[in-house]
């Protein structure tokens, strides 16, 4: 069954900072319908929905895959959702590269088969959009998100997810951006996603 087209103003934007060790999700949806054992899957901060998924190091990879995919399915279950997902980081080494490719492929294929449109944003583009610099350390994103949007978060995964969601708001013309922010998004391929939503 194909999803209904919607206007950009009705669209829920979900930012996903994807990692097998710590995935951050941020949505501008007004409410959360997802629950797990009677407990809400998301927390609400300043009108946005957040969820961080972390695991013990001994958790088998297949359990991590299933959990991450399940929570993302809940976050993207509305028919008028677009996902802004951080692209692959090519600077990783060893097992981190393999694990990133595995979960990245699983989530992207799941979004595709469910007809959830998604836009990939390279890590350096996200950093430049938030901080003005494409090479800042991941742990500094928390400070930059607070500086730019006065959003106090407790995890760099959530800060990245929030930045991705903000990129979605700018791309869908729901929020204004500085000249530097607009410049940082020039190479993001998103027009076809927006065109298909109108």
N, C-alpha and C. Protein backbone atom coordinates (compact mmCIF):
# COMPACT_ATOMS: atom_id res chain seq x y z
N UNK A 1 0.84 -1.19 0.00
CA UNK A 1 0.00 0.00 0.00
C UNK A 1 0.88 1.24 0.00
N UNK A 2 0.66 2.14 -0.93
CA UNK A 2 1.44 3.36 -1.05
C UNK A 2 0.95 4.40 -0.06
N UNK A 3 1.89 5.19 0.44
CA UNK A 3 1.53 6.26 1.37
C UNK A 3 0.89 7.42 0.62
N UNK A 4 0.02 8.10 1.29
CA UNK A 4 -0.64 9.28 0.72
C UNK A 4 0.36 10.43 0.66
N UNK A 5 0.27 11.22 -0.38
CA UNK A 5 1.10 12.42 -0.46
C UNK A 5 0.55 13.45 0.51
N UNK A 6 1.44 14.27 1.05
CA UNK A 6 1.01 15.30 1.98
C UNK A 6 1.76 16.58 1.69
N UNK A 7 1.29 17.69 2.24
CA UNK A 7 1.99 18.95 2.04
C UNK A 7 3.12 19.04 3.05
N UNK A 8 4.11 19.87 2.74
CA UNK A 8 5.27 20.00 3.60
C UNK A 8 4.89 20.51 4.98
N UNK A 9 3.83 21.32 5.09
CA UNK A 9 3.45 21.86 6.39
C UNK A 9 2.79 20.82 7.28
N UNK A 10 2.25 19.76 6.72
CA UNK A 10 1.63 18.70 7.52
C UNK A 10 2.62 17.58 7.83
N UNK A 11 3.75 17.61 7.24
CA UNK A 11 4.70 16.52 7.34
C UNK A 11 5.39 16.49 8.69
N UNK A 12 5.53 15.29 9.25
CA UNK A 12 6.34 15.08 10.44
C UNK A 12 7.78 14.84 9.98
N UNK A 13 8.69 15.56 10.60
CA UNK A 13 10.11 15.42 10.24
C UNK A 13 10.81 14.66 11.36
N UNK A 14 11.51 13.60 10.99
CA UNK A 14 12.23 12.79 11.95
C UNK A 14 13.71 12.80 11.61
N UNK A 15 14.54 13.27 12.53
CA UNK A 15 15.99 13.24 12.37
C UNK A 15 16.55 11.99 13.03
N UNK A 16 17.42 11.27 12.33
CA UNK A 16 17.98 10.03 12.86
C UNK A 16 19.50 10.07 12.76
N UNK A 17 20.15 10.00 13.93
CA UNK A 17 21.60 9.83 14.01
C UNK A 17 21.81 8.35 14.31
N UNK A 18 22.16 7.60 13.29
CA UNK A 18 22.14 6.14 13.34
C UNK A 18 23.50 5.55 13.70
N UNK A 19 23.52 4.71 14.72
CA UNK A 19 24.72 3.99 15.11
C UNK A 19 24.30 2.76 15.90
N UNK A 20 25.04 1.70 15.76
CA UNK A 20 24.73 0.48 16.50
C UNK A 20 25.02 0.64 17.99
N UNK A 21 25.89 1.59 18.34
CA UNK A 21 26.23 1.81 19.75
C UNK A 21 25.34 2.84 20.42
N UNK A 22 24.80 3.78 19.67
CA UNK A 22 23.94 4.82 20.24
C UNK A 22 23.22 5.56 19.14
N UNK A 23 21.93 5.29 18.99
CA UNK A 23 21.12 5.94 17.96
C UNK A 23 20.28 7.03 18.60
N UNK A 24 20.29 8.22 18.00
CA UNK A 24 19.46 9.32 18.46
C UNK A 24 18.34 9.59 17.47
N UNK A 25 17.14 9.85 17.99
CA UNK A 25 15.97 10.14 17.15
C UNK A 25 15.32 11.40 17.69
N UNK A 26 14.97 12.31 16.79
CA UNK A 26 14.24 13.52 17.16
C UNK A 26 13.13 13.75 16.14
N UNK A 27 11.93 14.04 16.64
CA UNK A 27 10.78 14.26 15.77
C UNK A 27 10.08 15.56 16.16
N UNK A 28 9.57 16.25 15.15
CA UNK A 28 8.77 17.44 15.46
C UNK A 28 7.28 17.12 15.52
N UNK A 29 6.94 15.82 15.65
CA UNK A 29 5.54 15.43 15.82
C UNK A 29 5.00 16.03 17.11
N UNK A 30 3.69 16.28 17.13
CA UNK A 30 3.09 16.89 18.31
C UNK A 30 2.85 15.89 19.42
N UNK A 31 2.78 14.62 19.09
CA UNK A 31 2.56 13.61 20.11
C UNK A 31 3.15 12.29 19.68
N UNK A 32 3.33 11.42 20.67
CA UNK A 32 3.87 10.09 20.41
C UNK A 32 2.81 9.05 20.67
N UNK A 33 2.64 8.16 19.70
CA UNK A 33 1.69 7.06 19.88
C UNK A 33 2.39 5.77 20.24
N UNK A 34 3.70 5.75 20.15
CA UNK A 34 4.44 4.52 20.41
C UNK A 34 4.64 4.28 21.89
N UNK A 35 4.49 3.03 22.32
CA UNK A 35 4.78 2.66 23.70
C UNK A 35 5.41 1.28 23.72
N UNK A 36 6.07 1.02 24.81
CA UNK A 36 6.76 -0.25 24.98
C UNK A 36 6.52 -0.71 26.41
N UNK A 37 5.74 -1.77 26.57
CA UNK A 37 5.41 -2.24 27.90
C UNK A 37 4.65 -1.20 28.71
N UNK A 38 3.82 -0.40 28.04
CA UNK A 38 3.06 0.63 28.72
C UNK A 38 3.84 1.92 28.95
N UNK A 39 5.12 1.93 28.61
CA UNK A 39 5.95 3.12 28.80
C UNK A 39 6.15 3.82 27.46
N UNK A 40 6.00 5.14 27.46
CA UNK A 40 6.16 5.92 26.22
C UNK A 40 7.57 5.73 25.67
N UNK A 41 7.67 5.56 24.36
CA UNK A 41 8.97 5.36 23.72
C UNK A 41 9.79 6.64 23.67
N UNK A 42 9.15 7.80 23.74
CA UNK A 42 9.84 9.06 23.53
C UNK A 42 9.64 10.00 24.72
N UNK A 43 10.62 10.86 24.95
CA UNK A 43 10.47 11.93 25.92
C UNK A 43 10.21 13.22 25.15
N UNK A 44 9.54 14.15 25.79
CA UNK A 44 9.21 15.43 25.16
C UNK A 44 10.07 16.52 25.80
N UNK A 45 10.80 17.23 24.97
CA UNK A 45 11.62 18.34 25.42
C UNK A 45 11.36 19.53 24.50
N UNK A 46 10.90 20.63 25.09
CA UNK A 46 10.65 21.87 24.34
C UNK A 46 9.79 21.63 23.10
N UNK A 47 8.82 20.74 23.19
CA UNK A 47 7.89 20.50 22.10
C UNK A 47 8.36 19.50 21.05
N UNK A 48 9.51 18.88 21.26
CA UNK A 48 10.03 17.89 20.34
C UNK A 48 10.09 16.53 21.02
N UNK A 49 9.94 15.47 20.24
CA UNK A 49 10.03 14.11 20.76
C UNK A 49 11.46 13.59 20.57
N UNK A 50 12.01 12.99 21.61
CA UNK A 50 13.37 12.47 21.57
C UNK A 50 13.40 11.03 22.04
N UNK A 51 14.36 10.27 21.50
CA UNK A 51 14.63 8.93 21.99
C UNK A 51 16.08 8.58 21.65
N UNK A 52 16.78 8.09 22.66
CA UNK A 52 18.13 7.57 22.43
C UNK A 52 18.09 6.07 22.72
N UNK A 53 18.69 5.31 21.82
CA UNK A 53 18.74 3.86 21.97
C UNK A 53 20.19 3.46 22.20
N UNK A 54 20.46 2.93 23.38
CA UNK A 54 21.81 2.46 23.70
C UNK A 54 21.73 1.01 24.20
N UNK A 55 22.85 0.35 24.19
CA UNK A 55 22.90 -1.06 24.56
C UNK A 55 24.11 -1.35 25.43
N UNK A 56 24.02 -2.46 26.16
CA UNK A 56 25.20 -2.99 26.84
C UNK A 56 26.11 -3.59 25.77
N UNK A 57 27.40 -3.57 26.02
CA UNK A 57 28.35 -4.04 25.00
C UNK A 57 28.16 -5.52 24.66
N UNK A 58 27.56 -6.29 25.56
CA UNK A 58 27.39 -7.72 25.29
C UNK A 58 26.11 -8.04 24.51
N UNK A 59 25.29 -7.04 24.23
CA UNK A 59 24.05 -7.27 23.49
C UNK A 59 24.37 -7.75 22.08
N UNK A 60 23.81 -8.91 21.66
CA UNK A 60 24.07 -9.40 20.30
C UNK A 60 23.62 -8.40 19.23
N UNK A 61 24.37 -8.37 18.13
CA UNK A 61 24.06 -7.41 17.06
C UNK A 61 22.66 -7.56 16.54
N UNK A 62 22.16 -8.79 16.36
CA UNK A 62 20.82 -8.96 15.79
C UNK A 62 19.75 -8.38 16.72
N UNK A 63 19.98 -8.40 18.03
CA UNK A 63 19.03 -7.78 18.96
C UNK A 63 19.07 -6.25 18.83
N UNK A 64 20.25 -5.71 18.63
CA UNK A 64 20.38 -4.26 18.41
C UNK A 64 19.65 -3.86 17.14
N UNK A 65 19.85 -4.63 16.05
CA UNK A 65 19.18 -4.33 14.78
C UNK A 65 17.68 -4.26 14.98
N UNK A 66 17.13 -5.28 15.63
CA UNK A 66 15.68 -5.37 15.80
C UNK A 66 15.15 -4.21 16.64
N UNK A 67 15.85 -3.88 17.71
CA UNK A 67 15.40 -2.80 18.60
C UNK A 67 15.41 -1.46 17.86
N UNK A 68 16.52 -1.16 17.20
CA UNK A 68 16.64 0.11 16.49
C UNK A 68 15.57 0.21 15.40
N UNK A 69 15.42 -0.84 14.61
CA UNK A 69 14.42 -0.82 13.55
C UNK A 69 13.01 -0.65 14.13
N UNK A 70 12.72 -1.32 15.23
CA UNK A 70 11.39 -1.22 15.83
C UNK A 70 11.07 0.18 16.33
N UNK A 71 12.02 0.83 16.99
CA UNK A 71 11.78 2.19 17.49
C UNK A 71 11.65 3.16 16.32
N UNK A 72 12.48 3.00 15.29
CA UNK A 72 12.39 3.88 14.12
C UNK A 72 11.05 3.67 13.41
N UNK A 73 10.57 2.45 13.35
CA UNK A 73 9.24 2.21 12.77
C UNK A 73 8.16 2.98 13.53
N UNK A 74 8.24 2.99 14.85
CA UNK A 74 7.27 3.75 15.64
C UNK A 74 7.37 5.24 15.34
N UNK A 75 8.60 5.75 15.25
CA UNK A 75 8.80 7.18 15.02
C UNK A 75 8.36 7.62 13.63
N UNK A 76 8.31 6.67 12.68
CA UNK A 76 8.00 7.01 11.29
C UNK A 76 6.70 6.36 10.83
N UNK A 77 5.81 6.06 11.75
CA UNK A 77 4.60 5.32 11.40
C UNK A 77 3.51 6.17 10.76
N UNK A 78 3.55 7.48 10.94
CA UNK A 78 2.53 8.35 10.32
C UNK A 78 2.72 8.37 8.81
N UNK A 79 1.63 8.46 8.04
CA UNK A 79 1.77 8.44 6.58
C UNK A 79 2.41 9.69 6.01
N UNK A 80 2.57 10.71 6.80
CA UNK A 80 3.12 11.98 6.31
C UNK A 80 4.44 12.30 7.01
N UNK A 81 5.35 11.33 6.96
CA UNK A 81 6.64 11.47 7.63
C UNK A 81 7.77 11.49 6.61
N UNK A 82 8.75 12.35 6.85
CA UNK A 82 9.98 12.33 6.08
C UNK A 82 11.13 12.21 7.07
N UNK A 83 12.13 11.42 6.71
CA UNK A 83 13.28 11.18 7.57
C UNK A 83 14.50 11.91 7.02
N UNK A 84 15.22 12.57 7.91
CA UNK A 84 16.51 13.16 7.59
C UNK A 84 17.53 12.32 8.35
N UNK A 85 18.32 11.54 7.64
CA UNK A 85 19.23 10.58 8.25
C UNK A 85 20.67 10.97 7.96
N UNK A 86 21.50 10.82 8.98
CA UNK A 86 22.91 11.14 8.77
C UNK A 86 23.53 10.09 7.85
N UNK A 87 24.28 10.56 6.88
CA UNK A 87 24.93 9.66 5.94
C UNK A 87 26.06 8.88 6.60
N UNK A 88 26.62 7.96 5.85
CA UNK A 88 27.68 7.11 6.37
C UNK A 88 28.94 7.92 6.65
N UNK A 89 29.60 7.58 7.77
CA UNK A 89 30.89 8.19 8.11
C UNK A 89 31.99 7.29 7.55
N UNK A 90 32.74 7.80 6.61
CA UNK A 90 33.76 6.99 5.95
C UNK A 90 35.10 7.02 6.67
N UNK A 91 35.18 7.77 7.75
CA UNK A 91 36.44 7.87 8.48
C UNK A 91 36.60 6.81 9.55
N UNK A 92 35.60 5.96 9.75
CA UNK A 92 35.67 4.94 10.78
C UNK A 92 36.67 3.85 10.44
N UNK A 93 36.89 2.97 11.44
CA UNK A 93 37.85 1.90 11.22
C UNK A 93 37.28 0.57 11.69
N UNK A 94 37.74 -0.50 11.06
CA UNK A 94 37.46 -1.86 11.50
C UNK A 94 36.00 -2.20 11.63
N UNK A 95 35.65 -2.78 12.76
CA UNK A 95 34.31 -3.28 13.02
C UNK A 95 33.26 -2.17 13.02
N UNK A 96 33.65 -0.95 13.39
CA UNK A 96 32.69 0.17 13.39
C UNK A 96 32.14 0.43 12.00
N UNK A 97 32.97 0.30 10.98
CA UNK A 97 32.53 0.51 9.60
C UNK A 97 31.53 -0.57 9.21
N UNK A 98 31.84 -1.82 9.55
CA UNK A 98 30.95 -2.93 9.22
C UNK A 98 29.61 -2.78 9.94
N UNK A 99 29.65 -2.49 11.24
CA UNK A 99 28.41 -2.34 12.01
C UNK A 99 27.57 -1.17 11.50
N UNK A 100 28.24 -0.07 11.14
CA UNK A 100 27.52 1.08 10.61
C UNK A 100 26.85 0.77 9.28
N UNK A 101 27.56 0.02 8.44
CA UNK A 101 26.98 -0.37 7.15
C UNK A 101 25.81 -1.32 7.34
N UNK A 102 25.93 -2.25 8.28
CA UNK A 102 24.84 -3.20 8.52
C UNK A 102 23.56 -2.49 8.96
N UNK A 103 23.65 -1.71 10.03
CA UNK A 103 22.43 -1.07 10.54
C UNK A 103 21.94 -0.01 9.57
N UNK A 104 22.86 0.66 8.88
CA UNK A 104 22.45 1.64 7.88
C UNK A 104 21.65 1.02 6.76
N UNK A 105 22.10 -0.14 6.27
CA UNK A 105 21.38 -0.84 5.21
C UNK A 105 20.03 -1.35 5.68
N UNK A 106 19.99 -1.89 6.89
CA UNK A 106 18.73 -2.42 7.43
C UNK A 106 17.69 -1.32 7.54
N UNK A 107 18.07 -0.19 8.11
CA UNK A 107 17.11 0.91 8.33
C UNK A 107 16.70 1.53 7.01
N UNK A 108 17.64 1.78 6.12
CA UNK A 108 17.29 2.39 4.84
C UNK A 108 16.37 1.48 4.01
N UNK A 109 16.64 0.18 4.01
CA UNK A 109 15.78 -0.74 3.28
C UNK A 109 14.38 -0.79 3.90
N UNK A 110 14.32 -0.74 5.22
CA UNK A 110 13.02 -0.75 5.88
C UNK A 110 12.22 0.51 5.54
N UNK A 111 12.88 1.67 5.55
CA UNK A 111 12.19 2.92 5.17
C UNK A 111 11.71 2.82 3.72
N UNK A 112 12.58 2.34 2.85
CA UNK A 112 12.25 2.23 1.43
C UNK A 112 11.05 1.30 1.21
N UNK A 113 11.06 0.13 1.83
CA UNK A 113 9.97 -0.83 1.61
C UNK A 113 8.66 -0.35 2.22
N UNK A 114 8.73 0.55 3.19
CA UNK A 114 7.51 1.11 3.79
C UNK A 114 7.12 2.44 3.15
N UNK A 115 7.82 2.83 2.09
CA UNK A 115 7.53 4.07 1.38
C UNK A 115 7.70 5.32 2.24
N UNK A 116 8.65 5.29 3.14
CA UNK A 116 8.96 6.48 3.96
C UNK A 116 10.09 7.21 3.27
N UNK A 117 9.84 8.42 2.77
CA UNK A 117 10.91 9.16 2.09
C UNK A 117 12.01 9.56 3.06
N UNK A 118 13.26 9.49 2.59
CA UNK A 118 14.36 9.91 3.45
C UNK A 118 15.42 10.65 2.64
N UNK A 119 16.07 11.56 3.34
CA UNK A 119 17.13 12.38 2.77
C UNK A 119 18.39 12.09 3.58
N UNK A 120 19.49 11.83 2.89
CA UNK A 120 20.76 11.59 3.57
C UNK A 120 21.57 12.88 3.64
N UNK A 121 22.10 13.16 4.82
CA UNK A 121 22.92 14.35 5.04
C UNK A 121 24.31 13.89 5.49
N UNK A 122 25.36 14.20 4.74
CA UNK A 122 26.71 13.80 5.16
C UNK A 122 27.05 14.36 6.54
N UNK A 123 27.83 13.62 7.34
CA UNK A 123 28.20 14.10 8.68
C UNK A 123 28.82 15.50 8.68
N UNK A 124 29.69 15.78 7.71
CA UNK A 124 30.33 17.10 7.67
C UNK A 124 29.32 18.20 7.37
N UNK A 125 28.28 17.90 6.59
CA UNK A 125 27.23 18.88 6.29
C UNK A 125 26.42 19.18 7.54
N UNK A 126 26.08 18.14 8.30
CA UNK A 126 25.36 18.35 9.56
C UNK A 126 26.17 19.23 10.50
N UNK A 127 27.45 18.93 10.64
CA UNK A 127 28.30 19.72 11.54
C UNK A 127 28.40 21.16 11.08
N UNK A 128 28.53 21.36 9.77
CA UNK A 128 28.64 22.73 9.24
C UNK A 128 27.33 23.48 9.42
N UNK A 129 26.19 22.82 9.22
CA UNK A 129 24.89 23.45 9.41
C UNK A 129 24.72 23.90 10.86
N UNK A 130 25.12 23.08 11.80
CA UNK A 130 24.93 23.39 13.22
C UNK A 130 25.98 24.38 13.72
N UNK A 131 27.24 24.15 13.38
CA UNK A 131 28.33 24.91 14.02
C UNK A 131 29.02 25.92 13.11
N UNK A 132 28.85 25.77 11.79
CA UNK A 132 29.59 26.61 10.87
C UNK A 132 30.90 25.98 10.43
N UNK A 133 31.27 24.84 11.07
CA UNK A 133 32.50 24.13 10.73
C UNK A 133 32.17 22.67 10.46
N UNK A 134 32.69 22.14 9.36
CA UNK A 134 32.38 20.77 8.98
C UNK A 134 33.22 19.71 9.65
N UNK A 135 34.15 20.14 10.52
CA UNK A 135 35.07 19.15 11.10
C UNK A 135 35.13 19.20 12.63
N UNK A 136 34.11 19.74 13.29
CA UNK A 136 34.17 19.78 14.75
C UNK A 136 33.96 18.37 15.30
N UNK A 137 34.45 18.15 16.50
CA UNK A 137 34.30 16.85 17.17
C UNK A 137 32.83 16.64 17.52
N UNK A 138 32.41 15.38 17.46
CA UNK A 138 31.02 15.02 17.73
C UNK A 138 30.57 15.50 19.12
N UNK A 139 31.45 15.42 20.11
CA UNK A 139 31.05 15.80 21.46
C UNK A 139 30.81 17.30 21.62
N UNK A 140 31.25 18.11 20.66
CA UNK A 140 31.00 19.56 20.71
C UNK A 140 29.64 19.94 20.13
N UNK A 141 28.98 18.99 19.49
CA UNK A 141 27.66 19.28 18.91
C UNK A 141 26.65 19.67 19.99
N UNK A 142 26.77 19.10 21.18
CA UNK A 142 25.87 19.47 22.27
C UNK A 142 25.92 20.96 22.55
N UNK A 143 27.14 21.48 22.68
CA UNK A 143 27.32 22.92 22.96
C UNK A 143 26.80 23.78 21.82
N UNK A 144 27.03 23.33 20.59
CA UNK A 144 26.60 24.10 19.43
C UNK A 144 25.07 24.13 19.30
N UNK A 145 24.42 23.01 19.55
CA UNK A 145 22.95 22.97 19.52
C UNK A 145 22.38 23.89 20.57
N UNK A 146 23.01 23.92 21.74
CA UNK A 146 22.56 24.84 22.80
C UNK A 146 22.79 26.30 22.37
N UNK A 147 23.96 26.57 21.80
CA UNK A 147 24.29 27.94 21.39
C UNK A 147 23.34 28.45 20.30
N UNK A 148 23.05 27.62 19.31
CA UNK A 148 22.25 28.06 18.17
C UNK A 148 20.76 28.08 18.48
N UNK A 149 20.24 27.05 19.17
CA UNK A 149 18.79 26.93 19.38
C UNK A 149 18.36 26.95 20.85
N UNK A 150 19.32 27.14 21.76
CA UNK A 150 19.02 27.14 23.19
C UNK A 150 18.37 25.82 23.62
N UNK A 151 18.78 24.73 23.00
CA UNK A 151 18.23 23.41 23.31
C UNK A 151 19.26 22.64 24.13
N UNK A 152 18.91 22.36 25.37
CA UNK A 152 19.81 21.70 26.30
C UNK A 152 19.54 20.19 26.29
N UNK A 153 20.40 19.44 25.64
CA UNK A 153 20.26 17.99 25.53
C UNK A 153 21.41 17.31 26.27
N UNK A 154 21.22 16.04 26.61
CA UNK A 154 22.24 15.36 27.41
C UNK A 154 23.01 14.29 26.64
N UNK A 155 22.93 14.31 25.32
CA UNK A 155 23.62 13.29 24.53
C UNK A 155 23.98 13.86 23.17
N UNK A 156 25.19 13.55 22.70
CA UNK A 156 25.56 14.04 21.36
C UNK A 156 24.76 13.32 20.27
N UNK A 157 24.26 12.11 20.55
CA UNK A 157 23.39 11.43 19.58
C UNK A 157 22.08 12.20 19.41
N UNK A 158 21.52 12.67 20.52
CA UNK A 158 20.28 13.46 20.44
C UNK A 158 20.54 14.82 19.80
N UNK A 159 21.71 15.41 20.09
CA UNK A 159 22.05 16.69 19.48
C UNK A 159 22.15 16.56 17.96
N UNK A 160 22.77 15.49 17.49
CA UNK A 160 22.87 15.25 16.05
C UNK A 160 21.48 15.04 15.45
N UNK A 161 20.64 14.24 16.12
CA UNK A 161 19.28 13.99 15.62
C UNK A 161 18.48 15.28 15.57
N UNK A 162 18.64 16.14 16.57
CA UNK A 162 17.95 17.43 16.58
C UNK A 162 18.42 18.30 15.41
N UNK A 163 19.74 18.33 15.17
CA UNK A 163 20.28 19.09 14.04
C UNK A 163 19.75 18.58 12.71
N UNK A 164 19.64 17.27 12.57
CA UNK A 164 19.08 16.69 11.34
C UNK A 164 17.61 17.07 11.17
N UNK A 165 16.85 17.03 12.26
CA UNK A 165 15.44 17.43 12.18
C UNK A 165 15.33 18.91 11.78
N UNK A 166 16.22 19.74 12.32
CA UNK A 166 16.22 21.17 11.96
C UNK A 166 16.56 21.35 10.47
N UNK A 167 17.46 20.54 9.95
CA UNK A 167 17.75 20.59 8.51
C UNK A 167 16.48 20.29 7.73
N UNK A 168 15.73 19.29 8.16
CA UNK A 168 14.46 18.97 7.50
C UNK A 168 13.50 20.13 7.53
N UNK A 169 13.42 20.83 8.66
CA UNK A 169 12.53 21.99 8.74
C UNK A 169 12.94 23.08 7.77
N UNK A 170 14.24 23.27 7.60
CA UNK A 170 14.73 24.27 6.65
C UNK A 170 14.45 23.83 5.22
N UNK A 171 14.75 22.57 4.91
CA UNK A 171 14.53 22.08 3.54
C UNK A 171 13.07 22.15 3.15
N UNK A 172 12.17 21.91 4.10
CA UNK A 172 10.73 21.97 3.82
C UNK A 172 10.15 23.37 4.03
N UNK A 173 11.06 24.33 4.24
CA UNK A 173 10.68 25.75 4.37
C UNK A 173 9.74 26.00 5.54
N UNK A 174 9.93 25.25 6.61
CA UNK A 174 9.15 25.47 7.82
C UNK A 174 9.89 26.35 8.82
N UNK A 175 11.17 26.53 8.55
CA UNK A 175 11.99 27.35 9.43
C UNK A 175 13.00 28.09 8.57
N UNK A 176 13.33 29.30 8.98
CA UNK A 176 14.33 30.08 8.25
C UNK A 176 15.72 29.62 8.68
N UNK A 177 16.70 29.97 7.88
CA UNK A 177 18.08 29.60 8.17
C UNK A 177 18.98 30.78 7.86
N UNK A 178 20.14 30.77 8.46
CA UNK A 178 21.12 31.80 8.15
C UNK A 178 21.69 31.52 6.76
N UNK A 179 22.36 32.50 6.21
CA UNK A 179 22.99 32.32 4.91
C UNK A 179 24.00 31.18 4.95
N UNK A 180 24.78 31.10 6.04
CA UNK A 180 25.78 30.03 6.17
C UNK A 180 25.11 28.66 6.24
N UNK A 181 23.99 28.57 6.95
CA UNK A 181 23.28 27.29 7.03
C UNK A 181 22.74 26.88 5.66
N UNK A 182 22.14 27.83 4.93
CA UNK A 182 21.62 27.51 3.59
C UNK A 182 22.76 27.08 2.67
N UNK A 183 23.89 27.74 2.79
CA UNK A 183 25.06 27.41 1.97
C UNK A 183 25.53 25.98 2.27
N UNK A 184 25.48 25.59 3.53
CA UNK A 184 25.95 24.25 3.91
C UNK A 184 25.09 23.14 3.34
N UNK A 185 23.84 23.46 2.98
CA UNK A 185 22.91 22.44 2.49
C UNK A 185 22.86 22.33 0.96
N UNK A 186 23.68 23.10 0.27
CA UNK A 186 23.60 23.13 -1.20
C UNK A 186 23.82 21.77 -1.86
N UNK A 187 24.63 20.92 -1.26
CA UNK A 187 24.94 19.63 -1.89
C UNK A 187 24.01 18.51 -1.42
N UNK A 188 23.07 18.81 -0.54
CA UNK A 188 22.15 17.78 -0.06
C UNK A 188 21.10 17.52 -1.14
N UNK A 189 20.95 16.28 -1.54
CA UNK A 189 19.98 15.91 -2.57
C UNK A 189 18.63 15.65 -1.91
N UNK A 190 17.75 16.64 -2.02
CA UNK A 190 16.46 16.52 -1.33
C UNK A 190 15.28 16.92 -2.21
N UNK A 191 15.51 17.55 -3.34
CA UNK A 191 14.41 18.08 -4.15
C UNK A 191 13.40 17.01 -4.55
N UNK A 192 13.86 15.82 -4.90
CA UNK A 192 12.93 14.78 -5.34
C UNK A 192 12.02 14.33 -4.21
N UNK A 193 12.53 14.34 -2.98
CA UNK A 193 11.69 13.98 -1.83
C UNK A 193 10.58 15.00 -1.64
N UNK A 194 10.95 16.27 -1.65
CA UNK A 194 9.96 17.33 -1.47
C UNK A 194 8.98 17.34 -2.62
N UNK A 195 9.46 17.16 -3.85
CA UNK A 195 8.58 17.16 -5.04
C UNK A 195 7.52 16.06 -4.91
N UNK A 196 7.91 14.88 -4.46
CA UNK A 196 6.97 13.77 -4.33
C UNK A 196 5.98 13.96 -3.20
N UNK A 197 6.23 14.91 -2.31
CA UNK A 197 5.34 15.14 -1.17
C UNK A 197 4.28 16.20 -1.48
N UNK A 198 4.48 16.94 -2.54
CA UNK A 198 3.53 18.03 -2.86
C UNK A 198 2.33 17.53 -3.61
